[in-house]
Amino acid sequence: MNDKAATQSTSPVEGRRGLPKPLRTLLDTSGLIAVFILLFIGLSVLVPDFLTGRNIVGLLLSVTLIGTIATTMMMVLALGEVDLSVASIVAFSGVVAAMVTSTSGSVVIGVLVGIAAGAAVGAFNGFVVARFGINSLIATLAAMEFVRGLAYITSGGDAVMITVPGFFDLGSASFLGLTLPVWTMIGCFLVFGVVLNMTAFGRNTLATGGNSEAASLAGVNVRRLKIMVFALQGLVAGIAGVLLTSRMGLGDPNTSQGLELAVISACVLGGVSLSGGVASITGVLVGVLIMGCVQNAMGLLNVPTFYQYLVRGAILLLAVMFDRWKQTRRAGG
């Protein structure tokens, strides 16, 4: 009798724990996927030219910057940290890549140095957070200003023109109708989806975000893990910055202002917990697509820019409120 009662009292959350991880992830994100499907259908019916091949390709291209960086921001948030410096890293990496390419005449050298600059900033952020125990919000807020300043100093306060034509091919090269930035975003989702769900690195990241002391006692080198995750964030932001520079045709130290909030919004909307320990690559993908669809529809409807700010702010607020509601539900369940 007691055994039967105990079986019947098992909560849905406990019941899901016995399922394979991919199936649990699908169940956890099914509501968000349904929202995206309904949104996509609604926009296809109500917004002129939304469901055209040209617009869908344009939509994918428009979310490449946010989507690419969101794959590693997911890891940072899962770790229980946050990185506000990604937009500045994008600008700095682009400026460095443009200057080195024009100076050396080599696209390869320029791209590698630009990406390395982003990775170096990310590793520095991780070192400051891990070694000195500084709150990542404060550390990366300082880095956001510092690195943006470096971008202006490096460029002399003006956009850097690129004199090597081959550099422009990075942003325009296409395969199967999709450009390199889109394929890069797809590759990042595949790679970091595998990293998060199928490697010890991903499991240690989630474990550390859930309880860093317990993870440390279990043998996880928390300091090294944090440095590596932040370095990956800087690396991917550097890649995104180089591709963006190629698309724009110049290195602009003023680019991507406010990008960090859009990336965090997409992650939180996709189910990544701001308190750490919970992340889903599927959810982040859907979150990115939802934000991209809304932005694209507002553009097609010629919604004034200041109203678009209101909508993006509302999405961020709703995402944070949803994250808080899920935390409360998990604590109560």
Protein backbone atom coordinates (compact mmCIF):
# COMPACT_ATOMS: atom_id res chain seq x y z
CA MET A 1 0.00 0.00 0.00
CA ASN A 2 2.80 2.39 0.93
CA ASP A 3 4.72 1.46 -2.22
CA LYS A 4 1.67 2.17 -4.35
CA ALA A 5 1.10 5.52 -2.68
CA ALA A 6 4.74 6.45 -3.16
CA THR A 7 4.52 5.56 -6.84
CA GLN A 8 1.40 7.64 -7.32
CA SER A 9 2.95 10.64 -5.57
CA THR A 10 5.88 10.83 -7.97
CA SER A 11 5.87 14.32 -9.53
CA PRO A 12 6.00 14.91 -13.27
CA VAL A 13 9.44 16.48 -12.84
CA GLU A 14 10.74 13.35 -11.11
CA GLY A 15 9.16 11.19 -13.76
CA ARG A 16 10.97 13.05 -16.51
CA ARG A 17 14.33 12.45 -14.86
CA GLY A 18 14.15 8.80 -15.90
CA LEU A 19 13.80 9.69 -19.57
CA PRO A 20 16.72 10.01 -22.00
CA LYS A 21 18.20 13.50 -21.93
CA PRO A 22 17.26 14.43 -25.55
CA LEU A 23 13.63 13.45 -24.85
CA ARG A 24 13.59 15.44 -21.60
CA THR A 25 14.97 18.45 -23.47
CA LEU A 26 12.28 18.11 -26.13
CA LEU A 27 9.55 17.95 -23.49
CA ASP A 28 10.95 20.99 -21.69
CA THR A 29 11.09 23.05 -24.89
CA SER A 30 7.92 21.75 -26.56
CA GLY A 31 5.89 24.72 -25.32
CA LEU A 32 8.39 27.18 -26.77
CA ILE A 33 8.45 25.28 -30.07
CA ALA A 34 4.65 25.46 -30.21
CA VAL A 35 4.81 29.22 -29.63
CA PHE A 36 7.30 29.59 -32.47
CA ILE A 37 5.18 27.51 -34.85
CA LEU A 38 2.06 29.55 -34.06
CA LEU A 39 4.02 32.79 -34.40
CA PHE A 40 5.48 31.72 -37.74
CA ILE A 41 2.07 30.71 -39.09
CA GLY A 42 0.51 33.96 -37.87
CA LEU A 43 3.21 36.12 -39.44
CA SER A 44 3.00 34.15 -42.69
CA VAL A 45 -0.72 34.90 -42.91
CA LEU A 46 -0.77 38.47 -41.64
CA VAL A 47 2.50 40.01 -42.85
CA PRO A 48 2.88 40.56 -46.61
CA ASP A 49 5.97 38.96 -48.21
CA PHE A 50 6.99 37.23 -44.95
CA LEU A 51 6.79 33.71 -46.40
CA THR A 52 8.85 34.34 -49.49
CA GLY A 53 12.10 32.51 -50.16
CA ARG A 54 14.04 35.72 -50.37
CA ASN A 55 12.70 36.97 -47.03
CA ILE A 56 13.36 33.67 -45.23
CA VAL A 57 16.97 33.68 -46.43
CA GLY A 58 17.23 37.31 -45.33
CA LEU A 59 15.72 36.41 -41.96
CA LEU A 60 18.35 33.71 -41.41
CA LEU A 61 21.11 36.13 -42.36
CA SER A 62 19.72 38.77 -39.99
CA VAL A 63 19.96 36.45 -36.97
CA THR A 64 23.45 35.11 -37.69
CA LEU A 65 25.19 37.56 -35.36
CA ILE A 66 22.84 36.96 -32.42
CA GLY A 67 22.52 33.24 -33.12
CA THR A 68 26.23 32.55 -33.42
CA ILE A 69 27.12 34.34 -30.19
CA ALA A 70 24.10 32.88 -28.36
CA THR A 71 25.59 29.37 -28.68
CA THR A 72 28.43 30.31 -26.34
CA MET A 73 26.46 32.78 -24.24
CA MET A 74 24.34 29.72 -23.44
CA MET A 75 27.46 28.08 -21.97
CA VAL A 76 28.35 31.20 -19.96
CA LEU A 77 24.84 31.49 -18.52
CA ALA A 78 24.72 27.74 -17.83
CA LEU A 79 27.89 28.27 -15.81
CA GLY A 80 25.99 30.76 -13.66
CA GLU A 81 27.84 33.75 -15.13
CA VAL A 82 27.10 36.46 -17.71
CA ASP A 83 29.17 38.26 -20.36
CA LEU A 84 28.24 41.85 -21.23
CA SER A 85 31.37 42.46 -23.31
CA VAL A 86 30.43 40.45 -26.42
CA ALA A 87 29.31 43.47 -28.47
CA SER A 88 32.57 45.27 -27.76
CA ILE A 89 34.52 42.13 -28.67
CA VAL A 90 32.67 41.97 -32.00
CA ALA A 91 33.65 45.57 -32.76
CA PHE A 92 37.25 45.17 -31.55
CA SER A 93 37.84 41.92 -33.45
CA GLY A 94 36.43 43.43 -36.62
CA VAL A 95 38.63 46.52 -36.36
CA VAL A 96 41.74 44.42 -35.67
CA ALA A 97 40.97 42.07 -38.58
CA ALA A 98 40.42 45.03 -40.94
CA MET A 99 43.63 46.79 -39.92
CA VAL A 100 45.84 43.68 -40.02
CA THR A 101 44.39 42.57 -43.35
CA SER A 102 44.95 45.96 -44.95
CA THR A 103 48.45 46.30 -43.46
CA SER A 104 49.71 42.79 -44.23
CA GLY A 105 47.75 42.23 -47.45
CA SER A 106 46.83 38.76 -46.18
CA VAL A 107 43.22 37.82 -45.48
CA VAL A 108 44.26 34.70 -43.55
CA ILE A 109 46.54 36.61 -41.18
CA GLY A 110 43.95 39.34 -40.66
CA VAL A 111 41.18 36.86 -39.88
CA LEU A 112 43.33 34.80 -37.50
CA VAL A 113 44.58 37.86 -35.60
CA GLY A 114 41.04 39.26 -35.33
CA ILE A 115 39.68 36.00 -33.96
CA ALA A 116 42.67 35.65 -31.62
CA ALA A 117 42.00 39.15 -30.28
CA GLY A 118 38.45 38.12 -29.38
CA ALA A 119 39.61 34.90 -27.72
CA ALA A 120 42.24 36.81 -25.72
CA VAL A 121 39.62 39.22 -24.35
CA GLY A 122 37.37 36.30 -23.45
CA ALA A 123 40.19 34.45 -21.68
CA PHE A 124 41.07 37.63 -19.78
CA ASN A 125 37.44 37.97 -18.65
CA GLY A 126 37.47 34.37 -17.47
CA PHE A 127 40.76 34.85 -15.62
CA VAL A 128 39.47 37.93 -13.78
CA VAL A 129 36.23 36.18 -12.80
CA ALA A 130 37.85 32.87 -11.83
CA ARG A 131 41.07 34.06 -10.22
CA PHE A 132 39.82 37.08 -8.28
CA GLY A 133 36.22 35.99 -7.67
CA ILE A 134 34.81 39.19 -9.17
CA ASN A 135 31.16 39.09 -10.12
CA SER A 136 31.02 38.44 -13.88
CA LEU A 137 28.38 41.14 -14.35
CA ILE A 138 30.79 43.77 -13.01
CA ALA A 139 33.92 42.28 -14.61
CA THR A 140 32.42 42.09 -18.10
CA LEU A 141 30.70 45.46 -17.73
CA ALA A 142 34.17 46.93 -17.17
CA ALA A 143 35.50 44.90 -20.10
CA MET A 144 32.65 46.17 -22.28
CA GLU A 145 33.82 49.76 -21.80
CA PHE A 146 37.53 48.92 -21.87
CA VAL A 147 37.40 46.85 -25.07
CA ARG A 148 35.13 49.35 -26.84
CA GLY A 149 37.73 51.98 -25.96
CA LEU A 150 40.46 49.76 -27.42
CA ALA A 151 38.44 49.47 -30.64
CA TYR A 152 38.26 53.28 -30.92
CA ILE A 153 41.95 53.70 -30.08
CA THR A 154 43.03 51.00 -32.53
CA SER A 155 40.99 52.52 -35.36
CA GLY A 156 41.83 56.11 -34.49
CA GLY A 157 38.17 56.75 -33.70
CA ASP A 158 37.03 56.16 -37.28
CA ALA A 159 35.95 53.24 -39.46
CA VAL A 160 38.80 51.22 -40.99
CA MET A 161 38.49 50.69 -44.71
CA ILE A 162 39.62 47.32 -46.10
CA THR A 163 41.95 47.42 -49.11
CA VAL A 164 42.10 43.67 -49.83
CA PRO A 165 39.11 42.58 -51.99
CA GLY A 166 39.39 38.93 -50.95
CA PHE A 167 38.28 39.85 -47.41
CA PHE A 168 34.78 40.63 -48.69
CA ASP A 169 34.31 37.03 -49.86
CA LEU A 170 33.97 35.89 -46.24
CA GLY A 171 30.61 37.59 -45.89
CA SER A 172 29.30 36.93 -49.39
CA ALA A 173 30.48 33.38 -50.19
CA SER A 174 27.50 31.03 -50.44
CA PHE A 175 26.73 27.32 -50.59
CA LEU A 176 23.31 25.81 -51.32
CA GLY A 177 21.84 29.31 -51.31
CA LEU A 178 23.10 30.18 -47.82
CA THR A 179 26.03 32.49 -47.09
CA LEU A 180 29.04 31.68 -44.93
CA PRO A 181 27.70 33.60 -41.87
CA VAL A 182 24.56 31.41 -41.93
CA TRP A 183 26.60 28.21 -42.22
CA THR A 184 28.83 29.43 -39.40
CA MET A 185 25.78 29.90 -37.17
CA ILE A 186 24.48 26.44 -38.08
CA GLY A 187 27.90 24.94 -37.36
CA CYS A 188 28.05 26.65 -33.96
CA PHE A 189 24.64 25.28 -32.99
CA LEU A 190 25.71 21.77 -33.99
CA VAL A 191 29.10 21.94 -32.27
CA PHE A 192 27.94 23.46 -29.00
CA GLY A 193 24.83 21.28 -28.95
CA VAL A 194 27.16 18.27 -28.95
CA VAL A 195 29.49 19.92 -26.42
CA LEU A 196 26.64 20.69 -24.02
CA ASN A 197 24.84 17.35 -24.23
CA MET A 198 27.48 14.76 -25.06
CA THR A 199 30.77 15.77 -23.46
CA ALA A 200 32.21 15.93 -19.96
CA PHE A 201 32.95 19.62 -20.58
CA GLY A 202 29.25 20.35 -21.09
CA ARG A 203 28.19 18.26 -18.10
CA ASN A 204 30.78 19.97 -15.89
CA THR A 205 29.54 23.38 -17.07
CA LEU A 206 25.96 22.56 -16.08
CA ALA A 207 27.10 20.98 -12.80
CA THR A 208 29.17 24.04 -11.91
CA GLY A 209 26.29 26.36 -12.72
CA GLY A 210 23.98 24.27 -10.56
CA ASN A 211 26.34 24.05 -7.57
CA SER A 212 29.96 25.14 -7.99
CA GLU A 213 31.05 23.86 -4.58
CA ALA A 214 29.65 20.40 -5.23
CA ALA A 215 31.25 20.36 -8.70
CA SER A 216 34.60 21.32 -7.18
CA LEU A 217 34.33 18.56 -4.57
CA ALA A 218 33.53 16.12 -7.40
CA GLY A 219 36.86 16.94 -9.04
CA VAL A 220 35.93 19.69 -11.49
CA ASN A 221 38.59 22.38 -11.88
CA VAL A 222 36.12 25.25 -11.66
CA ARG A 223 38.67 28.01 -12.27
CA ARG A 224 40.01 26.43 -15.44
CA LEU A 225 36.49 25.65 -16.64
CA LYS A 226 35.40 29.28 -16.26
CA ILE A 227 38.44 30.56 -18.14
CA MET A 228 37.79 28.08 -20.97
CA VAL A 229 34.09 28.96 -21.26
CA PHE A 230 34.78 32.70 -21.36
CA ALA A 231 37.60 32.12 -23.86
CA LEU A 232 35.18 30.21 -26.10
CA GLN A 233 32.74 33.10 -25.79
CA GLY A 234 35.43 35.53 -26.91
CA LEU A 235 36.53 33.21 -29.72
CA VAL A 236 33.03 32.91 -31.18
CA ALA A 237 32.37 36.65 -30.73
CA GLY A 238 35.64 37.23 -32.61
CA ILE A 239 34.51 35.00 -35.47
CA ALA A 240 31.17 36.80 -35.60
CA GLY A 241 32.96 40.16 -35.58
CA VAL A 242 35.22 39.23 -38.49
CA LEU A 243 32.26 37.98 -40.56
CA LEU A 244 30.26 41.12 -39.75
CA THR A 245 33.19 43.30 -40.82
CA SER A 246 33.41 41.41 -44.09
CA ARG A 247 29.69 41.97 -44.71
CA MET A 248 29.92 45.70 -43.92
CA GLY A 249 33.14 46.16 -45.89
CA LEU A 250 34.87 48.04 -43.06
CA GLY A 251 35.92 47.75 -39.44
CA ASP A 252 33.56 49.92 -37.42
CA PRO A 253 34.41 50.52 -33.72
CA ASN A 254 30.85 51.72 -33.14
CA THR A 255 29.06 48.62 -34.40
CA SER A 256 26.78 46.20 -32.51
CA GLN A 257 25.76 48.56 -29.69
CA GLY A 258 23.31 46.70 -27.41
CA LEU A 259 24.01 43.31 -29.01
CA GLU A 260 24.72 41.70 -25.63
CA LEU A 261 21.13 42.31 -24.45
CA ALA A 262 19.66 40.75 -27.60
CA VAL A 263 21.87 37.67 -27.19
CA ILE A 264 20.97 37.25 -23.51
CA SER A 265 17.29 37.77 -24.33
CA ALA A 266 17.40 34.99 -26.93
CA CYS A 267 19.09 32.61 -24.48
CA VAL A 268 16.70 33.32 -21.61
CA LEU A 269 13.72 33.13 -23.96
CA GLY A 270 15.11 29.75 -25.02
CA GLY A 271 15.02 28.41 -21.48
CA VAL A 272 18.57 29.08 -20.27
CA SER A 273 18.44 29.90 -16.58
CA LEU A 274 20.06 33.13 -15.41
CA SER A 275 20.95 31.37 -12.16
CA GLY A 276 22.92 28.67 -14.00
CA GLY A 277 22.72 24.91 -14.34
CA VAL A 278 19.95 24.80 -16.97
CA ALA A 279 20.44 25.17 -20.74
CA SER A 280 19.04 23.77 -23.97
CA ILE A 281 20.58 24.25 -27.41
CA THR A 282 17.18 23.56 -28.99
CA GLY A 283 15.56 26.20 -26.81
CA VAL A 284 18.25 28.77 -27.70
CA LEU A 285 17.74 28.07 -31.41
CA VAL A 286 13.99 28.60 -31.07
CA GLY A 287 14.56 31.73 -28.97
CA VAL A 288 16.82 33.18 -31.66
CA LEU A 289 14.28 32.38 -34.38
CA ILE A 290 11.40 33.92 -32.42
CA MET A 291 13.33 37.15 -31.94
CA GLY A 292 14.39 37.12 -35.59
CA CYS A 293 10.83 36.59 -36.83
CA VAL A 294 9.49 39.43 -34.68
CA GLN A 295 12.25 41.80 -35.82
CA ASN A 296 11.79 40.79 -39.45
CA ALA A 297 8.03 41.29 -39.30
CA MET A 298 8.42 44.74 -37.77
CA GLY A 299 10.78 45.66 -40.58
CA LEU A 300 8.35 44.45 -43.25
CA LEU A 301 5.54 46.41 -41.60
CA ASN A 302 7.73 49.53 -41.40
CA VAL A 303 7.29 49.80 -37.63
CA PRO A 304 9.19 52.90 -36.42
CA THR A 305 12.50 52.20 -34.70
CA PHE A 306 11.43 53.57 -31.31
CA TYR A 307 8.50 51.13 -31.20
CA GLN A 308 10.89 48.30 -32.04
CA TYR A 309 12.87 49.22 -28.92
CA LEU A 310 9.68 48.83 -26.89
CA VAL A 311 9.01 45.40 -28.36
CA ARG A 312 12.58 44.17 -27.76
CA GLY A 313 12.45 45.46 -24.19
CA ALA A 314 9.13 43.71 -23.61
CA ILE A 315 10.57 40.44 -24.95
CA LEU A 316 13.53 40.70 -22.56
CA LEU A 317 11.25 41.44 -19.61
CA LEU A 318 8.92 38.55 -20.45
CA ALA A 319 11.87 36.21 -20.87
CA VAL A 320 13.27 37.12 -17.44
CA MET A 321 9.83 36.79 -15.83
CA PHE A 322 9.43 33.38 -17.49
CA ASP A 323 12.84 32.31 -16.20
CA ARG A 324 11.87 33.41 -12.68
CA TRP A 325 8.59 31.49 -12.92
CA LYS A 326 10.43 28.32 -13.95
CA GLN A 327 12.88 28.67 -11.06
CA THR A 328 9.98 29.03 -8.62
CA ARG A 329 8.25 25.99 -10.12
CA ARG A 330 11.42 23.88 -9.88
CA ALA A 331 11.97 24.97 -6.28
CA GLY A 332 8.38 24.07 -5.40
CA GLY A 333 8.37 20.83 -7.34
